[in-house]
């Protein structure tokens, strides 16, 4: 399944995407906004394989988003079974630092949320962010998520939980 937005085209990951996955996993600026852990190439290969396996196991996963005009991967976004909130589907996204501040995270999140509600028929989607990650929190709010609560992610990291419901998106659109 391909997703197309105004400036980006998203596609499912492939084994050949290891350079992208390792770039994201080993970038200190990116990891500062996530879990703060830099990864080895082998760890990135395992994470990439999990992305591929998630599509097979759950029918959802991450898309790599590249510019329509230049084909350069700007980041990834997708849906996955939430580890934080069992039984729920979670939105996640990451943008390469050189593309920060260009609206790509918002564009990717909107495209993925449209798939969640319009194609998958989900009733709600959750998202999590580090409390200090103001940019990510703004993206969530911009696309219609509402703050739910403060919590711990994996019982380790301070976290803010957000949620968007299908009915809220329909109401906002009318």
Protein backbone atom coordinates (compact mmCIF):
# COMPACT_ATOMS: atom_id res chain seq x y z
CA UNK A 1 0.00 0.00 0.00
CA UNK A 2 1.31 3.42 -1.00
CA UNK A 3 0.26 6.69 0.63
CA UNK A 4 0.47 9.95 -1.28
CA UNK A 5 0.19 13.40 0.28
CA UNK A 6 0.82 16.86 -1.15
CA UNK A 7 4.63 16.54 -1.14
CA UNK A 8 5.40 12.99 -0.05
CA UNK A 9 4.90 9.41 -1.13
CA UNK A 10 4.94 6.69 1.53
CA UNK A 11 5.80 3.07 0.86
CA UNK A 12 6.27 -0.03 2.96
CA UNK A 13 9.85 -0.71 4.11
CA UNK A 14 12.08 -3.27 2.43
CA UNK A 15 15.32 -5.00 3.46
CA UNK A 16 17.23 -2.51 1.29
CA UNK A 17 16.14 0.30 3.64
CA UNK A 18 18.74 -0.61 6.26
CA UNK A 19 20.81 2.52 5.57
CA UNK A 20 17.83 4.71 6.36
CA UNK A 21 16.93 2.73 9.50
CA UNK A 22 20.52 2.84 10.77
CA UNK A 23 20.78 6.56 10.00
CA UNK A 24 17.73 7.26 12.19
CA UNK A 25 18.75 4.81 14.92
CA UNK A 26 22.29 6.19 15.22
CA UNK A 27 21.51 9.91 15.01
CA UNK A 28 21.89 11.52 18.47
CA UNK A 29 19.52 14.38 17.59
CA UNK A 30 16.77 11.99 16.51
CA UNK A 31 17.27 9.66 19.45
CA UNK A 32 17.12 12.57 21.88
CA UNK A 33 13.47 12.98 20.80
CA UNK A 34 12.76 9.25 21.19
CA UNK A 35 14.41 7.00 23.74
CA UNK A 36 17.94 8.39 23.83
CA UNK A 37 19.58 5.11 22.79
CA UNK A 38 21.93 4.91 19.83
CA UNK A 39 21.84 1.60 17.96
CA UNK A 40 24.35 -0.59 16.23
CA UNK A 41 23.79 -1.58 12.62
CA UNK A 42 22.79 -5.09 13.79
CA UNK A 43 20.16 -3.63 16.12
CA UNK A 44 18.85 -1.50 13.25
CA UNK A 45 18.66 -4.58 11.02
CA UNK A 46 16.52 -6.28 13.68
CA UNK A 47 14.26 -3.23 13.97
CA UNK A 48 13.87 -3.03 10.19
CA UNK A 49 12.95 -6.71 10.09
CA UNK A 50 10.34 -6.06 12.81
CA UNK A 51 8.81 -3.32 10.63
CA UNK A 52 8.58 -5.79 7.75
CA UNK A 53 7.21 -8.55 10.00
CA UNK A 54 4.58 -6.21 11.52
CA UNK A 55 3.03 -5.70 8.10
CA UNK A 56 2.70 -9.48 7.72
CA UNK A 57 1.47 -10.11 11.27
CA UNK A 58 -0.86 -7.15 11.81
CA UNK A 59 -1.59 -5.65 8.39
CA UNK A 60 -0.29 -2.31 9.64
CA UNK A 61 3.15 -0.80 10.00
CA UNK A 62 5.43 2.02 9.03
CA UNK A 63 5.76 3.73 5.66
CA UNK A 64 8.95 5.45 4.52
CA UNK A 65 8.03 8.87 3.13
CA UNK A 66 10.08 10.38 0.32
CA UNK A 67 9.67 13.58 -1.64
CA UNK A 68 7.43 13.14 -4.67
CA UNK A 69 9.75 15.30 -6.74
CA UNK A 70 13.17 14.10 -5.57
CA UNK A 71 12.60 10.63 -4.04
CA UNK A 72 14.69 11.50 -0.96
CA UNK A 73 13.40 9.80 2.20
CA UNK A 74 12.47 12.49 4.73
CA UNK A 75 11.18 10.20 7.46
CA UNK A 76 8.76 7.48 8.39
CA UNK A 77 5.33 7.26 9.96
CA UNK A 78 2.91 4.48 10.63
CA UNK A 79 0.60 2.50 12.82
CA UNK A 80 1.52 -0.33 15.16
CA UNK A 81 0.04 -2.30 18.06
CA UNK A 82 0.70 -0.16 21.12
CA UNK A 83 2.96 -1.69 23.76
CA UNK A 84 1.99 1.11 26.11
CA UNK A 85 -1.78 0.62 25.77
CA UNK A 86 -2.56 -3.03 24.97
CA UNK A 87 -5.33 -3.58 22.44
CA UNK A 88 -4.88 -0.12 20.90
CA UNK A 89 -3.23 1.06 17.69
CA UNK A 90 -0.53 3.72 18.03
CA UNK A 91 0.76 6.36 15.61
CA UNK A 92 4.50 6.90 15.39
CA UNK A 93 6.62 9.16 13.20
CA UNK A 94 10.17 10.37 12.82
CA UNK A 95 11.68 12.95 10.48
CA UNK A 96 15.35 13.31 9.59
CA UNK A 97 16.80 16.44 11.25
CA UNK A 98 17.57 18.15 7.93
CA UNK A 99 13.80 18.12 7.27
CA UNK A 100 12.72 19.39 10.69
CA UNK A 101 10.50 22.45 10.68
CA UNK A 102 9.20 21.85 7.14
CA UNK A 103 5.81 20.39 8.10
CA UNK A 104 6.68 16.85 7.00
CA UNK A 105 5.79 15.23 10.34
CA UNK A 106 2.34 16.84 10.21
CA UNK A 107 1.85 15.81 6.59
CA UNK A 108 2.89 12.20 7.28
CA UNK A 109 0.74 11.98 10.42
CA UNK A 110 -2.33 13.30 8.60
CA UNK A 111 -1.84 10.81 5.78
CA UNK A 112 -1.48 7.88 8.18
CA UNK A 113 -4.49 8.95 10.27
CA UNK A 114 -6.58 9.12 7.08
CA UNK A 115 -5.63 5.50 6.35
CA UNK A 116 -6.43 4.50 9.96
CA UNK A 117 -9.96 5.88 9.82
CA UNK A 118 -10.91 5.75 6.14
CA UNK A 119 -9.32 2.48 5.03
CA UNK A 120 -8.83 0.45 8.20
CA UNK A 121 -12.01 1.60 9.92
CA UNK A 122 -10.37 2.19 13.29
CA UNK A 123 -12.40 4.06 15.90
CA UNK A 124 -9.39 5.65 17.64
CA UNK A 125 -5.61 5.90 17.55
CA UNK A 126 -3.23 6.72 20.39
CA UNK A 127 0.18 8.38 20.34
CA UNK A 128 2.96 8.90 22.85
CA UNK A 129 5.70 11.52 23.14
CA UNK A 130 8.32 12.65 25.57
CA UNK A 131 6.91 15.57 27.58
CA UNK A 132 9.76 17.86 26.52
CA UNK A 133 9.34 17.02 22.81
CA UNK A 134 7.28 20.14 22.12
CA UNK A 135 7.56 19.79 18.34
CA UNK A 136 6.07 16.29 18.36
CA UNK A 137 3.31 17.34 20.74
CA UNK A 138 2.42 20.22 18.40
CA UNK A 139 2.21 17.82 15.47
CA UNK A 140 -0.20 15.59 17.40
CA UNK A 141 -2.39 18.53 18.36
CA UNK A 142 -2.28 19.96 14.83
CA UNK A 143 -3.65 16.73 13.35
CA UNK A 144 -6.43 16.48 15.94
CA UNK A 145 -5.07 14.45 18.86
CA UNK A 146 -6.07 15.42 22.40
CA UNK A 147 -3.92 15.06 25.51
CA UNK A 148 -5.04 12.14 27.69
CA UNK A 149 -2.55 11.85 30.55
CA UNK A 150 1.02 11.83 31.79
CA UNK A 151 2.44 8.33 32.24
CA UNK A 152 5.56 6.21 32.06
CA UNK A 153 6.43 4.55 28.75
CA UNK A 154 7.64 0.97 29.22
CA UNK A 155 7.60 1.80 32.96
CA UNK A 156 10.82 3.76 32.33
CA UNK A 157 10.44 6.98 30.34
CA UNK A 158 8.24 9.92 31.28
CA UNK A 159 5.58 10.15 28.64
CA UNK A 160 2.53 12.05 27.50
CA UNK A 161 -0.32 10.08 25.98
CA UNK A 162 -2.60 11.45 23.27
CA UNK A 163 -5.64 10.07 21.46
CA UNK A 164 -7.70 10.87 18.39
CA UNK A 165 -11.15 9.40 17.76
CA UNK A 166 -12.86 8.90 14.43
CA UNK A 167 -15.91 10.89 15.55
CA UNK A 168 -13.71 13.87 16.45
CA UNK A 169 -12.15 13.89 12.99
CA UNK A 170 -15.58 13.76 11.31
CA UNK A 171 -16.85 16.55 13.57
CA UNK A 172 -13.84 18.76 12.83
CA UNK A 173 -14.22 18.21 9.07
CA UNK A 174 -17.88 19.31 8.99
